[in-house]
């Protein structure tokens, strides 16, 4: 399978538009015989360039043409084109959940199964369905998932256009297959009126105290540590996340962290922006219970694959940044382009959580916390489509340089690209 490819930004254009502004690129694929191309598929898509993977969004029309260039007469039973999509776990057979086809030749007017030497061209058009019926859905309509083709993934979802030239008995059929990227359109609920106003006017973002409707304040977490090997201290950490807890790919996720305690030195030490390790963690769940609402910790270790995909960054808040016994830091987490959206699909589901790791810095050692285990975790959703008229923006201070991200996978003992120690158990069992 191909590595994941960063897709262009998702726009609010009509998904069914066929204007050249949307389908701006034509891709050309061919099948050779003895070094000579003879079967062609021309496909127009939203991709930025011809060499990119063809790219479509929910409700798009997949249109193109199939061409033949025969240097001699050939016998065929049929020429057809199909849109197929299927999910595959490592070591398992693919399960198709989409298979729609069109016969291009012969038509009602064709009297024989032979095509003379020369060039032929047929147009085709498909509308991508929003809902599909997977084998394990028991007849239920399920939202069509995005394509998923990352290297070393435990499972894949592949969308493709398949052109088939079917020959007679005892002759091998020939196929030309073109994979493409598919993105469902998912949109969050609107943010609070005060946050909408801040985005529109470019004014300061109001924090949880001034805009309680715009934030979810998680229950405080208390933790202990030893400061400079000299004294034990106890602090309280509170995380606030902008609501709704659904964020669009390519946008910032507003955050605020507050530390409280009686030791001012400990507060100063742990309120340094580089100390806070807040990660966006993706969990791929496989198996018969993949769609059940369970935390990753509640699943069998051989059916869940976690990896860090982004990290929050922080700076002192202007709203009571440094008070006696309290430190507040405003922050953001960038939902990077290329991150896959949240989706739930039979035997293959992708979910996200925010995870705050134990505080660790030279001069401070956490006590009573399990290495590599988050002290706080909160589910969030990753979506693909901005609300029309609302454009989230970054509130990092001018000239702010993001600290280097820490490797979440190493911190929790996973190999690169997820917990590959379990890959030999791969499957949809």
Protein backbone atom coordinates (compact mmCIF):
# COMPACT_ATOMS: atom_id res chain seq x y z
CA UNK A 1 0.00 0.00 0.00
CA UNK A 2 1.12 3.55 -0.62
CA UNK A 3 2.33 5.79 2.17
CA UNK A 4 -0.09 8.39 3.42
CA UNK A 5 -0.09 11.56 1.37
CA UNK A 6 -0.92 15.02 2.63
CA UNK A 7 -4.10 16.08 0.95
CA UNK A 8 -5.00 19.61 -0.04
CA UNK A 9 -7.03 21.71 2.37
CA UNK A 10 -10.72 20.94 2.51
CA UNK A 11 -12.81 23.77 1.11
CA UNK A 12 -16.47 24.64 1.37
CA UNK A 13 -17.11 24.29 -2.35
CA UNK A 14 -20.12 22.30 -3.43
CA UNK A 15 -19.21 18.61 -3.39
CA UNK A 16 -21.19 17.93 -6.56
CA UNK A 17 -19.70 20.74 -8.61
CA UNK A 18 -18.01 19.71 -11.83
CA UNK A 19 -16.34 23.06 -12.48
CA UNK A 20 -12.68 23.08 -13.43
CA UNK A 21 -12.01 24.93 -10.19
CA UNK A 22 -12.83 21.74 -8.28
CA UNK A 23 -11.82 19.00 -10.72
CA UNK A 24 -8.70 20.83 -11.75
CA UNK A 25 -6.38 17.92 -12.56
CA UNK A 26 -6.58 15.11 -15.08
CA UNK A 27 -4.70 11.92 -14.24
CA UNK A 28 -3.67 9.45 -16.90
CA UNK A 29 -3.07 5.74 -16.31
CA UNK A 30 -2.31 3.01 -18.81
CA UNK A 31 -1.82 -0.72 -19.19
CA UNK A 32 0.98 -1.97 -21.44
CA UNK A 33 1.31 -5.03 -23.60
CA UNK A 34 4.82 -5.86 -24.82
CA UNK A 35 5.91 -2.33 -23.93
CA UNK A 36 3.06 -0.66 -25.78
CA UNK A 37 0.26 1.11 -23.85
CA UNK A 38 -3.15 0.02 -25.14
CA UNK A 39 -5.69 0.49 -22.30
CA UNK A 40 -6.08 3.94 -20.71
CA UNK A 41 -8.02 5.50 -17.85
CA UNK A 42 -8.32 9.30 -17.72
CA UNK A 43 -9.65 10.59 -14.40
CA UNK A 44 -10.32 14.15 -13.23
CA UNK A 45 -10.06 14.97 -9.53
CA UNK A 46 -9.47 17.66 -6.90
CA UNK A 47 -5.78 16.76 -6.59
CA UNK A 48 -3.33 19.67 -6.97
CA UNK A 49 -1.21 17.96 -9.62
CA UNK A 50 -1.27 14.99 -11.96
CA UNK A 51 1.36 13.05 -9.99
CA UNK A 52 -0.73 13.24 -6.80
CA UNK A 53 -3.18 10.58 -5.75
CA UNK A 54 -6.61 11.40 -7.24
CA UNK A 55 -8.69 13.04 -4.52
CA UNK A 56 -12.47 13.14 -4.03
CA UNK A 57 -14.82 14.27 -1.30
CA UNK A 58 -18.18 13.02 -0.08
CA UNK A 59 -20.85 13.42 -2.75
CA UNK A 60 -18.35 14.07 -5.54
CA UNK A 61 -18.87 12.79 -9.05
CA UNK A 62 -16.11 10.49 -10.26
CA UNK A 63 -15.97 11.01 -14.00
CA UNK A 64 -13.50 10.04 -16.67
CA UNK A 65 -13.04 8.11 -19.84
CA UNK A 66 -11.61 4.75 -20.86
CA UNK A 67 -9.68 4.48 -24.11
CA UNK A 68 -8.44 1.56 -26.15
CA UNK A 69 -5.67 1.76 -28.75
CA UNK A 70 -5.53 -1.54 -30.62
CA UNK A 71 -2.81 -2.30 -33.15
CA UNK A 72 -4.82 -5.27 -34.42
CA UNK A 73 -8.36 -6.61 -34.06
CA UNK A 74 -9.08 -8.12 -30.65
CA UNK A 75 -11.87 -10.25 -29.20
CA UNK A 76 -13.39 -9.19 -25.87
CA UNK A 77 -16.44 -10.35 -23.96
CA UNK A 78 -16.82 -6.92 -22.35
CA UNK A 79 -15.14 -3.68 -21.28
CA UNK A 80 -16.33 -2.36 -17.92
CA UNK A 81 -15.40 0.16 -15.21
CA UNK A 82 -16.15 -0.05 -11.48
CA UNK A 83 -15.73 1.89 -8.27
CA UNK A 84 -14.63 -0.45 -5.49
CA UNK A 85 -13.71 0.07 -1.85
CA UNK A 86 -12.66 -2.43 0.77
CA UNK A 87 -11.13 -2.80 4.22
CA UNK A 88 -8.21 -5.11 4.86
CA UNK A 89 -6.44 -6.13 8.06
CA UNK A 90 -2.89 -7.44 7.93
CA UNK A 91 -3.01 -11.14 7.14
CA UNK A 92 -6.72 -11.08 6.23
CA UNK A 93 -8.73 -11.07 3.03
CA UNK A 94 -10.19 -7.77 1.90
CA UNK A 95 -13.87 -7.17 2.65
CA UNK A 96 -15.50 -5.06 -0.06
CA UNK A 97 -18.08 -2.54 1.13
CA UNK A 98 -18.55 -0.72 -2.17
CA UNK A 99 -18.74 -2.20 -5.66
CA UNK A 100 -20.66 -0.34 -8.38
CA UNK A 101 -19.96 -0.91 -12.05
CA UNK A 102 -20.84 0.20 -15.56
CA UNK A 103 -20.57 -1.77 -18.79
CA UNK A 104 -18.85 0.29 -21.48
CA UNK A 105 -18.83 -2.26 -24.30
CA UNK A 106 -20.58 -4.06 -25.92
CA UNK A 107 -23.65 -1.90 -26.24
CA UNK A 108 -27.04 -2.92 -27.61
CA UNK A 109 -25.88 -1.86 -31.07
CA UNK A 110 -22.79 -4.07 -31.13
CA UNK A 111 -23.29 -7.26 -33.10
CA UNK A 112 -20.01 -9.08 -32.40
CA UNK A 113 -17.46 -9.53 -29.65
CA UNK A 114 -14.56 -8.31 -31.73
CA UNK A 115 -13.09 -4.81 -31.91
CA UNK A 116 -11.23 -3.80 -35.05
CA UNK A 117 -7.81 -2.19 -35.04
CA UNK A 118 -8.03 1.45 -34.00
CA UNK A 119 -8.85 3.79 -31.12
CA UNK A 120 -11.98 3.70 -28.92
CA UNK A 121 -13.23 5.96 -26.16
CA UNK A 122 -16.03 5.61 -23.57
CA UNK A 123 -17.10 8.12 -20.92
CA UNK A 124 -18.14 7.06 -17.42
CA UNK A 125 -19.67 8.80 -14.40
CA UNK A 126 -20.25 7.65 -10.82
CA UNK A 127 -21.58 9.53 -7.79
CA UNK A 128 -19.84 8.43 -4.61
CA UNK A 129 -22.40 7.24 -2.05
CA UNK A 130 -22.46 8.80 1.40
CA UNK A 131 -23.60 5.54 3.02
CA UNK A 132 -22.41 1.97 2.44
CA UNK A 133 -23.40 -1.48 3.72
CA UNK A 134 -20.38 -3.42 4.98
CA UNK A 135 -20.65 -7.18 5.42
CA UNK A 136 -20.52 -6.88 9.22
CA UNK A 137 -23.08 -4.05 9.43
CA UNK A 138 -26.03 -6.51 9.38
CA UNK A 139 -27.86 -4.58 6.68
CA UNK A 140 -27.35 -1.18 8.28
CA UNK A 141 -26.20 1.86 6.34
CA UNK A 142 -22.84 3.14 7.65
CA UNK A 143 -21.08 6.39 6.77
CA UNK A 144 -18.47 5.69 4.11
CA UNK A 145 -15.05 5.92 5.80
CA UNK A 146 -12.02 7.80 4.45
CA UNK A 147 -9.29 5.96 2.61
CA UNK A 148 -6.54 4.78 4.93
CA UNK A 149 -3.25 3.65 3.38
CA UNK A 150 -0.45 4.44 5.82
CA UNK A 151 2.78 2.48 5.72
CA UNK A 152 3.02 -0.21 8.44
CA UNK A 153 -0.62 0.24 9.41
CA UNK A 154 -2.40 -2.80 10.90
CA UNK A 155 -5.32 -2.21 8.51
CA UNK A 156 -6.13 -0.41 5.27
CA UNK A 157 -9.12 1.10 3.49
CA UNK A 158 -8.67 1.37 -0.25
CA UNK A 159 -10.85 3.16 -2.82
CA UNK A 160 -10.17 2.48 -6.48
CA UNK A 161 -11.38 2.74 -10.06
CA UNK A 162 -11.05 -0.61 -11.83
CA UNK A 163 -11.21 -0.95 -15.61
CA UNK A 164 -11.64 -4.57 -16.75
CA UNK A 165 -11.14 -5.94 -20.24
CA UNK A 166 -12.79 -9.37 -20.09
CA UNK A 167 -11.70 -11.88 -22.69
CA UNK A 168 -13.15 -15.18 -23.74
CA UNK A 169 -12.92 -18.58 -22.09
CA UNK A 170 -9.43 -19.73 -21.07
CA UNK A 171 -8.04 -16.22 -21.60
CA UNK A 172 -6.80 -13.96 -18.83
CA UNK A 173 -8.85 -10.87 -18.07
CA UNK A 174 -6.83 -7.67 -17.90
CA UNK A 175 -7.45 -4.92 -15.33
CA UNK A 176 -6.24 -1.36 -14.86
CA UNK A 177 -6.61 -0.28 -11.23
CA UNK A 178 -6.32 3.30 -9.95
CA UNK A 179 -6.47 3.99 -6.21
CA UNK A 180 -7.85 7.33 -5.02
CA UNK A 181 -8.24 9.31 -1.80
CA UNK A 182 -11.70 9.81 -0.36
CA UNK A 183 -12.65 12.27 2.39
CA UNK A 184 -16.08 12.27 4.09
CA UNK A 185 -17.48 15.68 5.02
CA UNK A 186 -17.83 15.99 8.79
CA UNK A 187 -18.48 19.33 10.47
CA UNK A 188 -18.39 20.32 14.16
CA UNK A 189 -21.08 22.22 16.02
CA UNK A 190 -20.50 26.00 16.20
CA UNK A 191 -18.20 27.34 18.94
CA UNK A 192 -19.50 29.73 21.60
CA UNK A 193 -20.74 33.16 20.39
CA UNK A 194 -17.79 34.88 22.12
CA UNK A 195 -15.26 32.64 20.36
CA UNK A 196 -17.04 33.17 17.02
CA UNK A 197 -16.80 36.92 17.59
CA UNK A 198 -13.09 36.68 18.43
CA UNK A 199 -12.40 34.75 15.20
CA UNK A 200 -14.43 37.20 13.14
CA UNK A 201 -12.93 40.40 14.62
CA UNK A 202 -9.43 39.08 15.23
CA UNK A 203 -9.77 40.02 18.91
CA UNK A 204 -8.33 38.16 21.89
CA UNK A 205 -9.71 34.75 22.73
CA UNK A 206 -11.58 34.86 26.04
CA UNK A 207 -10.65 32.13 28.51
CA UNK A 208 -12.80 29.75 30.57
CA UNK A 209 -13.57 32.28 33.31
CA UNK A 210 -14.95 34.89 30.89
CA UNK A 211 -16.53 32.44 28.45
CA UNK A 212 -17.69 29.36 30.37
CA UNK A 213 -19.91 28.28 27.45
CA UNK A 214 -16.86 28.07 25.20
CA UNK A 215 -14.73 25.69 27.24
CA UNK A 216 -14.82 22.29 28.90
CA UNK A 217 -12.93 22.38 32.19
CA UNK A 218 -11.79 18.90 33.14
CA UNK A 219 -11.70 17.76 36.77
CA UNK A 220 -8.43 18.81 38.45
CA UNK A 221 -5.65 16.23 38.69
CA UNK A 222 -3.35 16.22 41.73
CA UNK A 223 0.19 14.90 41.47
CA UNK A 224 3.29 14.77 43.65
CA UNK A 225 6.97 15.11 42.92
CA UNK A 226 10.41 15.74 44.38
CA UNK A 227 11.94 19.13 43.63
CA UNK A 228 15.73 19.23 43.24
CA UNK A 229 15.95 16.05 45.33
CA UNK A 230 15.31 18.26 48.33
CA UNK A 231 11.61 18.38 49.05
CA UNK A 232 8.36 16.77 48.10
CA UNK A 233 5.64 18.99 46.67
CA UNK A 234 2.03 18.48 45.63
CA UNK A 235 0.37 20.40 42.82
CA UNK A 236 -2.99 20.48 41.10
CA UNK A 237 -3.37 20.67 37.32
CA UNK A 238 -6.54 21.71 35.49
CA UNK A 239 -6.93 21.45 31.71
CA UNK A 240 -9.55 23.42 29.77
CA UNK A 241 -10.32 22.59 26.13
CA UNK A 242 -12.32 24.78 23.76
CA UNK A 243 -15.74 23.39 22.94
CA UNK A 244 -17.20 21.66 21.11
CA UNK A 245 -14.58 18.92 21.46
CA UNK A 246 -14.41 18.50 17.69
CA UNK A 247 -11.71 20.16 15.59
CA UNK A 248 -11.14 20.46 11.87
CA UNK A 249 -7.99 19.23 10.16
CA UNK A 250 -5.60 22.13 9.59
CA UNK A 251 -6.94 24.25 12.47
CA UNK A 252 -5.64 25.04 16.00
CA UNK A 253 -7.24 23.55 19.12
CA UNK A 254 -7.39 26.22 21.91
CA UNK A 255 -6.19 25.03 25.33
CA UNK A 256 -5.55 26.38 28.80
CA UNK A 257 -3.66 24.75 31.68
CA UNK A 258 -3.69 26.01 35.27
CA UNK A 259 -1.32 24.85 38.00
CA UNK A 260 -2.00 25.43 41.68
CA UNK A 261 0.12 24.74 44.73
CA UNK A 262 1.74 26.23 47.80
CA UNK A 263 5.33 25.96 46.57
CA UNK A 264 6.16 28.93 44.33
CA UNK A 265 9.44 27.42 43.15
CA UNK A 266 7.67 24.26 42.00
CA UNK A 267 5.02 26.33 40.20
CA UNK A 268 7.68 28.36 38.38
CA UNK A 269 9.57 25.22 37.42
CA UNK A 270 6.56 23.33 36.03
CA UNK A 271 4.89 26.27 34.30
CA UNK A 272 7.72 26.52 31.76
CA UNK A 273 6.09 25.87 28.35
CA UNK A 274 8.52 23.09 27.38
CA UNK A 275 7.58 21.07 30.46
CA UNK A 276 3.97 20.39 29.46
CA UNK A 277 3.58 17.26 27.35
CA UNK A 278 0.01 17.24 26.03
CA UNK A 279 -0.41 14.92 23.04
CA UNK A 280 -3.12 14.23 20.51
CA UNK A 281 -3.19 10.44 20.38
CA UNK A 282 -4.79 8.36 17.66
CA UNK A 283 -6.15 4.90 18.48
CA UNK A 284 -6.94 2.43 15.69
CA UNK A 285 -9.33 -0.21 17.03
CA UNK A 286 -9.81 -3.49 15.17
CA UNK A 287 -12.03 -6.49 15.70
CA UNK A 288 -15.68 -7.24 16.36
CA UNK A 289 -15.96 -4.60 19.10
CA UNK A 290 -14.22 -1.81 17.18
CA UNK A 291 -17.34 0.36 17.05
CA UNK A 292 -18.11 -0.02 20.76
CA UNK A 293 -17.42 3.06 22.86
CA UNK A 294 -14.49 1.75 24.89
CA UNK A 295 -11.30 3.44 26.01
CA UNK A 296 -8.10 2.03 24.51
CA UNK A 297 -7.14 0.73 27.96
CA UNK A 298 -10.32 -1.40 28.04
CA UNK A 299 -9.54 -3.22 24.79
CA UNK A 300 -7.37 -6.23 24.13
CA UNK A 301 -3.83 -5.04 23.52
CA UNK A 302 -3.65 -6.87 20.19
CA UNK A 303 -6.66 -5.01 18.74
CA UNK A 304 -5.77 -1.38 19.51
CA UNK A 305 -2.87 0.55 18.00
CA UNK A 306 -2.00 3.95 19.46
CA UNK A 307 0.33 6.66 18.21
CA UNK A 308 0.94 10.33 18.92
CA UNK A 309 0.11 12.61 15.99
CA UNK A 310 0.55 16.14 17.42
CA UNK A 311 1.58 17.95 20.60
CA UNK A 312 0.27 21.06 22.31
CA UNK A 313 2.40 24.15 22.92
CA UNK A 314 1.91 26.80 25.60
CA UNK A 315 2.76 30.33 26.69
CA UNK A 316 1.90 32.40 29.80
CA UNK A 317 -1.72 33.51 29.85
CA UNK A 318 -2.48 37.22 30.13
CA UNK A 319 -5.44 36.35 32.34
CA UNK A 320 -3.79 35.96 35.74
CA UNK A 321 -0.59 34.48 34.34
CA UNK A 322 1.31 34.61 37.63
CA UNK A 323 -0.53 34.81 40.91
CA UNK A 324 0.45 33.54 44.33
CA UNK A 325 -0.19 29.81 44.32
CA UNK A 326 -1.36 29.75 40.70
CA UNK A 327 0.07 29.75 37.16
CA UNK A 328 -2.05 29.86 33.99
CA UNK A 329 -0.86 29.05 30.50
CA UNK A 330 -2.74 29.44 27.26
CA UNK A 331 -1.94 27.04 24.47
CA UNK A 332 -2.89 25.37 21.22
CA UNK A 333 -2.53 22.05 19.49
CA UNK A 334 -2.28 22.06 15.72
CA UNK A 335 -4.49 19.47 14.04
CA UNK A 336 -1.99 18.86 11.28
CA UNK A 337 -2.86 18.40 7.65
CA UNK A 338 -2.50 14.74 6.75
CA UNK A 339 -4.15 13.57 9.98
CA UNK A 340 -7.04 11.22 9.23
CA UNK A 341 -10.48 12.23 10.54
CA UNK A 342 -12.29 10.31 13.26
CA UNK A 343 -14.52 7.55 11.91
CA UNK A 344 -16.35 4.46 13.09
CA UNK A 345 -16.59 1.47 10.80
CA UNK A 346 -17.21 -2.23 11.45
CA UNK A 347 -13.96 -3.88 12.59
CA UNK A 348 -11.93 -0.70 11.89
CA UNK A 349 -12.37 2.52 13.86
CA UNK A 350 -10.17 5.59 14.36
CA UNK A 351 -10.57 7.69 17.51
CA UNK A 352 -8.57 10.45 19.19
CA UNK A 353 -7.82 11.53 22.75
CA UNK A 354 -5.87 14.32 24.37
CA UNK A 355 -3.38 12.85 26.82
CA UNK A 356 -1.40 14.80 29.41
CA UNK A 357 1.77 12.98 30.38
CA UNK A 358 3.41 13.26 33.83
CA UNK A 359 5.42 16.44 34.35
CA UNK A 360 9.14 15.82 33.93
CA UNK A 361 12.05 18.26 33.84
CA UNK A 362 15.54 18.50 35.25
CA UNK A 363 15.10 19.21 38.95
CA UNK A 364 11.66 17.62 39.26
CA UNK A 365 10.83 13.92 39.55
CA UNK A 366 7.22 12.75 39.50
CA UNK A 367 6.18 10.46 42.34
CA UNK A 368 3.38 7.93 42.31
CA UNK A 369 2.81 8.10 38.55
CA UNK A 370 3.24 5.18 36.17
CA UNK A 371 5.94 5.87 33.55
CA UNK A 372 4.46 6.31 30.08
CA UNK A 373 0.88 6.53 31.39
CA UNK A 374 -1.14 9.73 30.98
CA UNK A 375 -2.33 11.48 34.13
CA UNK A 376 -5.29 12.88 32.18
CA UNK A 377 -7.14 11.75 29.04
CA UNK A 378 -10.08 13.29 27.18
CA UNK A 379 -11.71 12.09 23.91
CA UNK A 380 -11.95 14.56 21.03
CA UNK A 381 -13.10 14.24 17.43
CA UNK A 382 -11.22 15.23 14.30
CA UNK A 383 -13.36 16.48 11.42
CA UNK A 384 -12.88 17.64 7.83
CA UNK A 385 -15.10 20.64 7.08
CA UNK A 386 -15.10 24.12 8.61
CA UNK A 387 -18.37 25.80 9.48
CA UNK A 388 -19.04 28.35 6.71
CA UNK A 389 -18.05 31.83 7.85
CA UNK A 390 -15.99 30.63 10.82
CA UNK A 391 -12.22 30.55 10.36
CA UNK A 392 -10.29 29.46 13.48
CA UNK A 393 -6.90 31.12 13.84
CA UNK A 394 -3.82 30.80 15.96
CA UNK A 395 -3.43 32.97 19.06
CA UNK A 396 0.24 32.20 19.70
CA UNK A 397 2.12 35.43 20.57
CA UNK A 398 3.88 37.24 17.69
CA UNK A 399 7.26 35.66 17.01
CA UNK A 400 6.44 32.63 19.15
CA UNK A 401 8.54 29.61 18.25
CA UNK A 402 6.93 26.27 18.89
CA UNK A 403 9.06 23.98 21.07
CA UNK A 404 10.33 20.76 19.55
CA UNK A 405 7.76 18.00 19.85
CA UNK A 406 8.54 15.02 22.06
CA UNK A 407 8.10 11.52 20.70
CA UNK A 408 4.94 10.18 22.34
CA UNK A 409 5.50 6.69 20.93
CA UNK A 410 8.93 6.44 22.58
CA UNK A 411 7.58 7.89 25.83
CA UNK A 412 4.99 5.15 26.19
CA UNK A 413 7.16 2.34 24.81
CA UNK A 414 5.65 1.96 21.36
CA UNK A 415 7.62 1.42 18.20
CA UNK A 416 7.42 3.97 15.39
CA UNK A 417 4.05 3.95 13.57
CA UNK A 418 2.22 2.56 16.57
CA UNK A 419 2.54 -0.49 18.78
CA UNK A 420 3.98 -2.76 16.16
CA UNK A 421 4.90 -5.29 18.83
CA UNK A 422 1.31 -6.52 18.34
CA UNK A 423 1.23 -6.58 14.54
CA UNK A 424 1.65 -10.35 14.35
CA UNK A 425 -1.82 -10.56 15.91
CA UNK A 426 -3.30 -8.41 13.14
CA UNK A 427 -6.79 -9.18 11.94
CA UNK A 428 -10.46 -8.44 12.31
CA UNK A 429 -11.10 -11.32 14.71
